[in-house]
Amino acid sequence: MKRSNAKTDLSGLACTSLTRSCWARFRKNWASHDLAIEDAHCAHQRPKLEQYDDCLFVVLRTAQLVGEPHHVEFGETHIFVGPRYVVSVRHGSLRSHIGLRARCEASQRLLAKGPGFVLYALMDFVVDQYLPIVRRSVGRTSS
């Protein structure tokens, strides 16, 4: 769903996949390069950062411990960052970013820095999800 923050004039859209309706809203509100949009439709992208005109396209690999016994599930978060917007598309990532949005909106001073802060917050959130996996792996190897 598209949301705008009136204090920063920053808009955002978060999708769990690029459905037809999500695609239509994206195209209507923010132009982007066709290759980046094509990549966002397909999971199994390599992590990357690409620049298309005035848009950055970022692919992050996600990982989290799930189930009993615990196992690692991988996914991807694709992010479009433009001058006044951030659009994220999750593929196979079970962990919602809703709490992240609330934390960003609660920090108006940092949010006023624009979409770069939101990209940083998304990247930080994804990397933090690796910590339980690393702790578990270190615990197994040191035992």
Foldseek 3Di string as FASTA:
>chain_A
DWDADVLQLAIEAEEQACDVVNVVVCVVPDPDDPVLVVVRRDWPDDFDWDDDDQKIKGKDKAWAWDDVVTDIWIWIWIWIFGQRYIYIYIGRDPDDCVVLVVVLVVCVVQCNVHPVSVVVSVVVVRVVRCVVVVVVVVVVVVD
